[in-house]
Amino acid sequence: MPVTAVEAPERPAHRDPNVLRWLGAYTASMIGDSVYFMALAWAAARTGSASGTGLVLAAGSIPRALLMLGGGVLADRLGPRRVVIGSDAARAVLVLSLAAILVLTAPTVGVLVVVALLFGAVDALFLPAVGALPPRISTPGQLARIQGLRALAARGSSIIGAPMGGVAVATGGPSLAFAAAGVLFALSLPLLLSLRITPLPGPGTSGEAEAEAGAAESTPNAWHDLVGGLRHIRRHPLLGPLMLVIALSELGFVGPLNLGLILLSEQRGWGAAGMGWIVAGFAGGAAGSALLLAVRGRVPRAGLVMCLTALVGAIGIAALAQVPTVALAAAVAAFVGLTAGLAGALCGALVQTAADPAYLGRVTSVATLFTYAIAPLSYPVTGAAVALWGTGPVFAVSAAVCASAGVLGLTLTALRRAHLPR
C-alpha cells in the first residue's frame, strides 16, 4: 500500500527562530525610536526657545507625511528587508553623528530641525517596509500571531524606551541618549541580515524576488508604481473597505486618546498622575489583546470580529468623558485598549494576507499614512472643539466616528466575511 505523506504542523511564530530574530530587531529599533524622541525633546528644550522646541518636534512629521507612499514603492521595488536594513543603518549613523556634535557644542534649533527632517524622511521609508516584512518571514497562518507579537513589542518598547531615554539624559545629557538610540538601531542590523526570507505566493509570482522584479519591469518609473498600488487598493474587494475602516478608526481614535485625555485630566483635576494611570490602563488592555492574539494565533471570522470590536470599543471612548474617578477612567481605558488593540492587529493581518505580494509595500504605506500622517491632523480640531463644547460632546463625536468604521465594515459583505488563512 502506498504511504501517504503527512505534512508536519507549521511552527508557531513564537517558537520560530526566524520570527524571533525579526522580533528582536524590531524591538531594538522601537526602543531606539523612544529613546531618540526623548533625547530630541530634551535637546530642543535646552535651546531655550519654546517656539523652536515646537518646530523641532513637529519637523519630523512633514517628510514622514510627504514621503510615506514613496517608501511603499521603494519597499516593493527593492524588497522590504533591504529598505529596513538601510533605514536602521541610516538612523544609527544620523543619531550617533548628532551625539558626537552635541559632545562638542550646545544644541541649536537649526541643527535639531535638520536632524528631525532627515529622521522623518528615513522613517517614511522604514514604516511601510517593516509592515511588509511579516509575510516574508513566516507562513500565512502565523500572521495574526506575528501581529500580536509586534504589538507586544511596540507596547514594551514604549514602557522601556521612555525611562531609558530619561535616565540617559539625566546621566549624560541628550548626547548620551542619542548615542544609546544609535547603538540600539545598530543592534538590529545583524538580526535583520540573518533573516530567512521565504517566497511569497501570488498571481504571477513565485517569490519576493520575482514579484519585485516583475513590478519593476512592468512599470517605467516610481510614479507609475504608486498609481498602480493605489489602483490595486481601489479595485480590490477587501483592501478598499479595509482602508476606509482604518481611516475612520484613526480619525476618531487618535484625537481623543492622545490630546483629549490630557485635556480631560486637566478639567477633572486628575493631574499628570491621573493621566499616567489612564494611559497605563490603555497600554495594559492593548498588551492583553496582543498577548491573546500571540498565544491563540488565529481568530475565526476575523473580519466580523474586527468590526464588532471596533464598534464595542467606541462605546468605551464615549464613556471615558463621563466617568467620575481616575480608577474608573483607567478601567474604561483598559477596555478601549483591549478592543482597539485586537481590532488593529486583526486589521493589519487582513491587509497583509489580502494584498498581492507585488503590492504589499505600497498597500502597507497607505495604511500607515492614515496612522502616522493624516490622523494627527485631528489634534488642532480636537483642541478647538474641547475649548468650545467641552470633553463630553467631543468624545461622543469621536466615538461616533469610530463606531461608523465598525458599522461600515459590517455592511460590507467582503469585509464582514473576511477570514485569516489557517
Protein backbone atom coordinates (compact mmCIF):
# COMPACT_ATOMS: atom_id res chain seq x y z
CA MET A 1 0.00 0.00 0.00
CA PRO A 2 1.28 3.48 -0.81
CA VAL A 3 2.27 5.55 2.15
CA THR A 4 0.61 8.95 2.30
CA ALA A 5 2.89 11.72 3.44
CA VAL A 6 1.57 13.72 6.34
CA GLU A 7 2.57 17.36 6.48
CA ALA A 8 4.19 18.41 9.71
CA PRO A 9 2.29 21.16 11.51
CA GLU A 10 3.77 24.58 10.91
CA ARG A 11 5.90 26.03 13.66
CA PRO A 12 4.12 28.68 15.78
CA ALA A 13 5.55 32.14 15.29
CA HIS A 14 6.65 32.49 18.91
CA ARG A 15 8.79 29.35 18.50
CA ASP A 16 10.20 30.20 15.09
CA PRO A 17 13.83 31.42 15.31
CA ASN A 18 13.37 33.43 12.13
CA VAL A 19 10.39 35.30 13.56
CA LEU A 20 12.18 35.78 16.88
CA ARG A 21 15.18 37.33 15.09
CA TRP A 22 12.80 39.74 13.35
CA LEU A 23 11.06 40.45 16.66
CA GLY A 24 14.38 41.20 18.36
CA ALA A 25 15.39 43.57 15.57
CA TYR A 26 12.01 45.29 15.61
CA THR A 27 12.07 45.66 19.41
CA ALA A 28 15.58 47.15 19.39
CA SER A 29 14.55 49.58 16.70
CA MET A 30 11.35 50.61 18.51
CA ILE A 31 13.21 51.16 21.81
CA GLY A 32 15.74 53.22 19.86
CA ASP A 33 12.84 55.29 18.50
CA SER A 34 11.54 56.02 22.01
CA VAL A 35 14.99 56.97 23.28
CA TYR A 36 15.57 59.19 20.23
CA PHE A 37 12.34 61.15 20.69
CA MET A 38 13.03 61.61 24.39
CA ALA A 39 16.53 62.91 23.60
CA LEU A 40 15.23 65.16 20.84
CA ALA A 41 12.62 66.72 23.12
CA TRP A 42 15.18 67.46 25.85
CA ALA A 43 17.77 68.76 23.40
CA ALA A 44 15.14 71.05 21.88
CA ALA A 45 14.08 72.27 25.32
CA ARG A 46 17.71 73.15 26.16
CA THR A 47 17.82 75.60 23.27
CA GLY A 48 15.72 77.88 25.45
CA SER A 49 13.16 78.67 22.74
CA ALA A 50 9.58 77.45 23.21
CA SER A 51 8.70 78.11 19.58
CA GLY A 52 11.91 76.44 18.46
CA THR A 53 11.12 73.38 20.56
CA GLY A 54 7.73 73.06 18.91
CA LEU A 55 9.32 73.46 15.49
CA VAL A 56 11.85 70.72 16.19
CA LEU A 57 9.24 68.26 17.46
CA ALA A 58 6.91 68.94 14.51
CA ALA A 59 9.59 68.89 11.80
CA GLY A 60 9.83 65.12 11.50
CA SER A 61 6.15 64.72 10.65
CA ILE A 62 6.49 66.72 7.41
CA PRO A 63 8.76 64.35 5.43
CA ARG A 64 7.02 61.39 7.06
CA ALA A 65 3.70 62.50 5.55
CA LEU A 66 5.12 63.55 2.17
CA LEU A 67 7.31 60.50 1.56
CA MET A 68 5.32 57.66 3.15
CA LEU A 69 3.73 56.45 -0.10
CA GLY A 70 7.11 56.64 -1.82
CA GLY A 71 8.50 54.43 0.91
CA GLY A 72 5.96 51.77 -0.02
CA VAL A 73 7.04 51.94 -3.66
CA LEU A 74 10.67 51.53 -2.64
CA ALA A 75 9.85 48.55 -0.41
CA ASP A 76 8.17 46.79 -3.36
CA ARG A 77 10.99 47.61 -5.76
CA LEU A 78 13.97 46.73 -3.55
CA GLY A 79 12.40 44.34 -1.07
CA PRO A 80 11.34 45.34 2.47
CA ARG A 81 14.31 43.75 4.24
CA ARG A 82 16.79 45.84 2.26
CA VAL A 83 14.84 49.00 2.98
CA VAL A 84 14.55 48.23 6.71
CA ILE A 85 18.28 47.46 6.95
CA GLY A 86 19.16 50.65 5.09
CA SER A 87 16.77 52.68 7.24
CA ASP A 88 18.12 51.40 10.55
CA ALA A 89 21.70 51.87 9.34
CA ALA A 90 20.92 55.45 8.29
CA ARG A 91 19.21 56.19 11.60
CA ALA A 92 22.16 54.79 13.53
CA VAL A 93 24.65 56.96 11.61
CA LEU A 94 22.42 60.04 11.91
CA VAL A 95 21.83 59.96 15.66
CA LEU A 96 25.39 58.85 16.50
CA SER A 97 26.67 61.80 14.46
CA LEU A 98 24.33 64.12 16.37
CA ALA A 99 25.58 62.65 19.66
CA ALA A 100 29.16 63.45 18.62
CA ILE A 101 28.17 67.01 17.64
CA LEU A 102 26.47 67.61 20.99
CA VAL A 103 29.59 66.49 22.85
CA LEU A 104 31.48 69.34 21.16
CA THR A 105 28.82 72.06 21.13
CA ALA A 106 25.44 73.04 22.55
CA PRO A 107 22.35 72.09 20.53
CA THR A 108 20.85 74.68 18.21
CA VAL A 109 17.36 74.78 16.74
CA GLY A 110 18.74 74.70 13.20
CA VAL A 111 20.79 71.53 13.73
CA LEU A 112 17.96 69.75 15.52
CA VAL A 113 15.43 70.67 12.81
CA VAL A 114 17.73 69.27 10.12
CA VAL A 115 18.15 66.04 12.09
CA ALA A 116 14.40 65.78 12.69
CA LEU A 117 13.69 66.28 8.98
CA LEU A 118 16.24 63.63 7.98
CA PHE A 119 14.99 61.21 10.62
CA GLY A 120 11.40 61.74 9.46
CA ALA A 121 12.42 61.06 5.86
CA VAL A 122 14.09 57.78 6.87
CA ASP A 123 11.04 56.89 8.97
CA ALA A 124 8.87 57.29 5.87
CA LEU A 125 10.91 54.50 4.27
CA PHE A 126 11.15 52.34 7.40
CA LEU A 127 7.46 52.19 8.39
CA PRO A 128 5.98 50.71 5.18
CA ALA A 129 8.88 48.29 4.79
CA VAL A 130 8.75 46.95 8.35
CA GLY A 131 4.99 46.46 7.94
CA ALA A 132 5.54 44.47 4.74
CA LEU A 133 8.11 42.08 6.29
CA PRO A 134 5.95 39.63 8.33
CA PRO A 135 4.52 37.70 5.33
CA ARG A 136 8.09 37.14 4.14
CA ILE A 137 9.38 35.57 7.36
CA SER A 138 6.63 33.06 8.19
CA THR A 139 3.57 31.31 6.80
CA PRO A 140 0.19 32.99 6.20
CA GLY A 141 -1.37 31.06 9.07
CA GLN A 142 1.00 32.75 11.55
CA LEU A 143 0.36 36.36 10.52
CA ALA A 144 -2.20 37.05 13.25
CA ARG A 145 0.21 35.70 15.87
CA ILE A 146 3.02 37.85 14.43
CA GLN A 147 0.79 40.91 14.63
CA GLY A 148 0.19 40.12 18.29
CA LEU A 149 3.94 39.76 18.90
CA ARG A 150 4.57 43.02 17.07
CA ALA A 151 2.00 44.85 19.19
CA LEU A 152 3.54 43.42 22.37
CA ALA A 153 6.97 44.60 21.23
CA ALA A 154 5.64 48.07 20.47
CA ARG A 155 3.98 48.40 23.89
CA GLY A 156 7.02 47.05 25.68
CA SER A 157 9.33 49.36 23.75
CA SER A 158 7.36 52.39 24.88
CA ILE A 159 7.50 51.23 28.51
CA ILE A 160 11.26 50.58 28.34
CA GLY A 161 12.37 53.31 25.92
CA ALA A 162 10.98 56.41 27.63
CA PRO A 163 12.56 55.68 31.06
CA MET A 164 15.80 54.61 29.38
CA GLY A 165 15.93 57.90 27.48
CA GLY A 166 15.15 59.84 30.64
CA VAL A 167 17.92 58.11 32.60
CA ALA A 168 20.40 58.68 29.76
CA VAL A 169 19.52 62.39 29.58
CA ALA A 170 19.78 62.75 33.35
CA THR A 171 23.13 60.93 33.41
CA GLY A 172 24.95 62.31 30.39
CA GLY A 173 22.64 64.78 28.69
CA PRO A 174 20.98 64.42 25.28
CA SER A 175 24.28 63.35 23.70
CA LEU A 176 24.34 60.13 25.75
CA ALA A 177 20.68 59.46 24.95
CA PHE A 178 21.29 59.94 21.22
CA ALA A 179 24.29 57.61 21.45
CA ALA A 180 22.13 54.96 23.15
CA ALA A 181 19.49 55.27 20.43
CA GLY A 182 22.15 54.90 17.73
CA VAL A 183 23.52 51.74 19.36
CA LEU A 184 20.01 50.26 19.52
CA PHE A 185 19.44 50.93 15.82
CA ALA A 186 22.80 49.33 15.06
CA LEU A 187 21.92 46.25 17.18
CA SER A 188 19.01 45.49 14.87
CA LEU A 189 21.26 45.15 11.81
CA PRO A 190 22.86 41.71 12.41
CA LEU A 191 19.45 40.27 13.27
CA LEU A 192 17.92 41.69 10.09
CA LEU A 193 20.82 40.43 7.99
CA SER A 194 20.30 36.91 9.33
CA LEU A 195 16.60 36.77 8.42
CA ARG A 196 15.48 34.00 6.09
CA ILE A 197 13.12 35.45 3.50
CA THR A 198 10.57 32.93 2.21
CA PRO A 199 8.88 33.08 -1.21
CA LEU A 200 5.50 34.78 -1.38
CA PRO A 201 2.84 33.04 -3.46
CA GLY A 202 0.68 35.29 -5.57
CA PRO A 203 -0.77 35.81 -9.02
CA GLY A 204 2.05 35.58 -11.49
CA THR A 205 4.74 35.46 -8.82
CA SER A 206 6.90 32.76 -7.35
CA GLY A 207 8.55 34.67 -4.59
CA GLU A 208 9.79 38.01 -3.34
CA ALA A 209 12.48 38.50 -5.94
CA GLU A 210 10.19 37.55 -8.82
CA ALA A 211 7.39 39.78 -7.56
CA GLU A 212 9.70 42.75 -7.14
CA ALA A 213 11.38 42.21 -10.49
CA GLY A 214 8.02 41.86 -12.21
CA ALA A 215 6.72 45.05 -10.62
CA ALA A 216 9.84 46.99 -11.58
CA GLU A 217 9.81 45.74 -15.17
CA SER A 218 6.11 46.28 -15.77
CA THR A 219 6.16 49.95 -14.78
CA PRO A 220 8.62 52.51 -16.17
CA ASN A 221 9.01 54.66 -13.06
CA ALA A 222 8.13 55.07 -9.41
CA TRP A 223 5.11 57.28 -10.14
CA HIS A 224 3.50 54.54 -12.21
CA ASP A 225 4.29 52.10 -9.41
CA LEU A 226 2.50 54.34 -6.93
CA VAL A 227 -0.54 54.78 -9.17
CA GLY A 228 -0.61 51.03 -9.74
CA GLY A 229 -0.60 50.40 -6.00
CA LEU A 230 -3.47 52.83 -5.40
CA ARG A 231 -5.40 51.24 -8.25
CA HIS A 232 -4.81 47.80 -6.74
CA ILE A 233 -6.35 49.00 -3.46
CA ARG A 234 -9.30 50.67 -5.17
CA ARG A 235 -10.18 47.63 -7.26
CA HIS A 236 -9.63 45.03 -4.54
CA PRO A 237 -12.88 43.84 -2.91
CA LEU A 238 -11.32 43.74 0.58
CA LEU A 239 -8.46 46.24 0.64
CA GLY A 240 -10.59 49.25 -0.32
CA PRO A 241 -13.07 48.70 2.54
CA LEU A 242 -10.20 48.00 4.94
CA MET A 243 -8.57 51.33 4.12
CA LEU A 244 -11.85 53.16 4.75
CA VAL A 245 -12.23 51.42 8.11
CA ILE A 246 -8.63 52.28 9.05
CA ALA A 247 -9.10 55.93 8.08
CA LEU A 248 -12.31 56.37 10.10
CA SER A 249 -10.95 54.47 13.11
CA GLU A 250 -7.76 56.51 13.27
CA LEU A 251 -9.53 59.86 12.80
CA GLY A 252 -11.94 59.06 15.62
CA PHE A 253 -9.38 57.45 17.90
CA VAL A 254 -6.17 59.49 17.77
CA GLY A 255 -7.51 62.91 18.82
CA PRO A 256 -9.42 61.95 21.98
CA LEU A 257 -6.96 59.31 23.14
CA ASN A 258 -3.84 61.45 22.72
CA LEU A 259 -4.82 65.08 23.17
CA GLY A 260 -8.33 64.64 24.58
CA LEU A 261 -7.19 62.65 27.60
CA ILE A 262 -4.74 65.38 28.56
CA LEU A 263 -7.47 68.00 28.43
CA LEU A 264 -9.88 65.71 30.30
CA SER A 265 -7.35 65.14 33.10
CA GLU A 266 -6.80 68.88 33.42
CA GLN A 267 -10.54 69.62 33.59
CA ARG A 268 -11.19 66.94 36.21
CA GLY A 269 -8.18 67.88 38.31
CA TRP A 270 -6.65 64.45 37.97
CA GLY A 271 -3.26 65.89 37.05
CA ALA A 272 -0.32 64.17 35.43
CA ALA A 273 -0.51 61.23 37.85
CA GLY A 274 -4.11 60.54 36.91
CA MET A 275 -3.25 60.83 33.25
CA GLY A 276 -0.46 58.32 33.79
CA TRP A 277 -2.85 55.78 35.33
CA ILE A 278 -5.28 56.17 32.42
CA VAL A 279 -2.52 55.71 29.84
CA ALA A 280 -1.24 52.70 31.79
CA GLY A 281 -4.74 51.21 31.71
CA PHE A 282 -4.93 51.64 27.97
CA ALA A 283 -1.46 50.16 27.48
CA GLY A 284 -2.37 47.20 29.70
CA GLY A 285 -5.53 46.49 27.71
CA ALA A 286 -3.69 46.76 24.41
CA ALA A 287 -0.93 44.47 25.68
CA GLY A 288 -3.60 41.97 26.80
CA SER A 289 -5.13 41.82 23.33
CA ALA A 290 -1.69 41.47 21.77
CA LEU A 291 -0.82 38.61 24.13
CA LEU A 292 -4.13 36.90 23.40
CA LEU A 293 -3.52 37.04 19.67
CA ALA A 294 0.12 35.99 20.00
CA VAL A 295 -0.84 32.90 22.01
CA ARG A 296 -4.03 31.94 20.20
CA GLY A 297 -2.60 32.53 16.75
CA ARG A 298 -5.85 32.81 14.85
CA VAL A 299 -9.27 34.35 15.39
CA PRO A 300 -12.19 32.75 13.48
CA ARG A 301 -14.17 35.13 11.25
CA ALA A 302 -11.53 37.80 11.68
CA GLY A 303 -13.35 40.44 9.63
CA LEU A 304 -16.52 40.17 11.69
CA VAL A 305 -14.61 40.19 14.99
CA MET A 306 -12.61 43.22 13.87
CA CYS A 307 -15.76 45.21 13.04
CA LEU A 308 -17.53 44.22 16.26
CA THR A 309 -14.57 45.08 18.49
CA ALA A 310 -14.24 48.48 16.77
CA LEU A 311 -17.94 49.08 17.39
CA VAL A 312 -17.82 48.00 21.04
CA GLY A 313 -14.61 49.92 21.69
CA ALA A 314 -16.33 53.11 20.52
CA ILE A 315 -18.70 52.83 23.50
CA GLY A 316 -15.69 52.93 25.80
CA ILE A 317 -14.35 56.08 24.12
CA ALA A 318 -17.64 57.89 24.75
CA ALA A 319 -17.72 56.62 28.35
CA LEU A 320 -14.23 57.97 29.13
CA ALA A 321 -15.52 61.54 29.34
CA GLN A 322 -18.35 60.55 31.71
CA VAL A 323 -16.62 58.52 34.44
CA PRO A 324 -16.12 60.42 37.72
CA THR A 325 -12.88 58.90 39.06
CA VAL A 326 -9.38 58.07 37.86
CA ALA A 327 -9.83 54.40 38.76
CA LEU A 328 -12.92 54.06 36.59
CA ALA A 329 -11.27 56.01 33.78
CA ALA A 330 -8.27 53.65 33.89
CA ALA A 331 -10.59 50.62 33.78
CA VAL A 332 -12.50 52.03 30.81
CA ALA A 333 -9.21 52.88 29.09
CA ALA A 334 -8.09 49.26 29.58
CA PHE A 335 -11.30 48.12 27.89
CA VAL A 336 -10.70 50.52 25.00
CA GLY A 337 -7.11 49.32 24.69
CA LEU A 338 -8.23 45.68 24.64
CA THR A 339 -10.84 46.17 21.91
CA ALA A 340 -8.89 48.68 19.83
CA GLY A 341 -5.72 46.61 20.05
CA LEU A 342 -7.47 43.46 18.88
CA ALA A 343 -9.23 45.30 16.04
CA GLY A 344 -5.98 46.92 14.91
CA ALA A 345 -3.98 43.69 14.94
CA LEU A 346 -6.66 41.80 13.00
CA CYS A 347 -6.87 44.65 10.50
CA GLY A 348 -3.11 44.51 9.95
CA ALA A 349 -3.18 40.75 9.45
CA LEU A 350 -6.05 41.01 6.96
CA VAL A 351 -4.21 43.69 4.98
CA GLN A 352 -1.11 41.52 4.74
CA THR A 353 -2.98 38.40 3.64
CA ALA A 354 -5.26 40.19 1.17
CA ALA A 355 -2.67 42.28 -0.67
CA ASP A 356 -0.96 40.85 -3.71
CA PRO A 357 2.71 40.23 -2.81
CA ALA A 358 3.94 42.61 -5.54
CA TYR A 359 1.94 45.48 -3.98
CA LEU A 360 2.40 44.76 -0.27
CA GLY A 361 4.76 47.63 0.45
CA ARG A 362 2.52 50.16 -1.25
CA VAL A 363 -0.60 48.84 0.46
CA THR A 364 1.15 49.00 3.83
CA SER A 365 2.28 52.57 3.14
CA VAL A 366 -1.31 53.71 2.56
CA ALA A 367 -2.50 52.12 5.80
CA THR A 368 0.46 53.59 7.69
CA LEU A 369 -0.16 57.03 6.19
CA PHE A 370 -3.53 57.27 7.92
CA THR A 371 -1.99 56.37 11.28
CA TYR A 372 1.16 58.48 11.26
CA ALA A 373 0.34 61.43 8.99
CA ILE A 374 -3.38 62.07 8.45
CA ALA A 375 -4.87 61.16 11.84
CA PRO A 376 -2.59 63.56 13.81
CA LEU A 377 -4.22 66.40 11.86
CA SER A 378 -7.17 65.92 14.21
CA TYR A 379 -5.17 67.36 17.15
CA PRO A 380 -5.93 71.04 16.49
CA VAL A 381 -9.55 70.19 15.69
CA THR A 382 -9.88 68.23 18.95
CA GLY A 383 -8.32 71.04 20.98
CA ALA A 384 -10.55 73.72 19.47
CA ALA A 385 -13.67 71.57 19.87
CA VAL A 386 -12.94 70.84 23.55
CA ALA A 387 -12.44 74.56 24.17
CA LEU A 388 -15.84 75.30 22.61
CA TRP A 389 -18.03 72.42 23.79
CA GLY A 390 -16.13 70.51 26.47
CA THR A 391 -14.82 66.96 26.57
CA GLY A 392 -18.15 65.11 26.72
CA PRO A 393 -19.51 66.12 23.29
CA VAL A 394 -16.09 65.80 21.66
CA PHE A 395 -15.52 62.27 22.97
CA ALA A 396 -19.07 61.37 21.88
CA VAL A 397 -18.41 62.59 18.32
CA SER A 398 -15.08 60.78 18.23
CA ALA A 399 -16.79 57.61 19.42
CA ALA A 400 -19.40 58.03 16.69
CA VAL A 401 -16.66 58.28 14.07
CA CYS A 402 -15.03 55.09 15.39
CA ALA A 403 -18.41 53.36 15.53
CA SER A 404 -19.07 54.33 11.92
CA ALA A 405 -15.95 52.38 10.97
CA GLY A 406 -17.35 49.25 12.60
CA VAL A 407 -20.80 49.78 11.08
CA LEU A 408 -19.29 50.33 7.64
CA GLY A 409 -17.35 47.09 7.94
CA LEU A 410 -20.45 45.17 8.98
CA THR A 411 -22.40 46.45 5.96
CA LEU A 412 -19.71 45.35 3.50
CA THR A 413 -20.01 41.64 2.79
CA ALA A 414 -16.38 41.16 1.72
CA LEU A 415 -15.08 42.61 4.97
CA ARG A 416 -17.68 41.04 7.24
CA ARG A 417 -16.89 37.58 5.84
CA ALA A 418 -13.11 38.02 5.66
CA HIS A 419 -11.04 35.41 7.43
CA LEU A 420 -7.40 34.67 8.05
CA PRO A 421 -5.74 31.60 6.49
CA ARG A 422 -5.28 28.56 8.68
